[in-house]
Amino acid sequence: MDRRQRKTREAIFRAFTELLSKKSYEQITVGEIIERADVGRATFYGKLEGSLDSPMFKGAVRSDGLNFNGTLLEDIKGNVTLHNKVLNVPEFSFREGSGQYRFDGIVRFDETKKMEGKFVTEGGRLGPLLTVLNIPESGVDGDLTGDITIGGTMNDPNIHVQGVMKNGLIKGEHPLTDV
């Protein structure tokens, strides 16, 4: 077992022990352990071919929960294809908090690092989604029902948000209705 695996195992055990001191075994969920340990798990179904330098994968991804850039995503499912350093995601969905998200797009892992795609969200919080995408905090958060188009590169992403936002706040304290 390498150091990374050992640290993950220790984090899971520590999280489980902490939760067990607060509630019974039957009340503890995998999602709670994952969130507290800041780790996750996913299952991949499909066909892996190619070489180490140029892997090819076509299949499905499923996970009850993954902590991604500090944000817990739940009920993750989707289809993916990786070929020639291009990740094609024709359909992908997850939940964060009470929001539902669907994504369709591509990410290039070549020298361009370009990405393009569209999120459709129903009551999803904007702030955590931006965190997942590694987009710097904008100071705007709220429950969004609408579309988020992404483009640019992984190092310099750009987004276009269109929809209706409820419970919107600027800098965590100023209601959008006051602007």
Foldseek 3Di string as FASTA:
>chain_A
DDPVVVLLVVLLVVQVVVVVVVDPPVPDDPLSSCLSSQAFDKDWDFDWDDDPVWIWTWTKIFGQWGQALNFIKGGWIFTWIGGPQKIFTQWIWIDGDNKIKIKGWMAGPPPQQKIWIKIAMAQDWPQVVCSNLVHDDPQKIFGFGFMKIWIGHSVDIDIDTDGDGPPMGGNVPHRPVVD
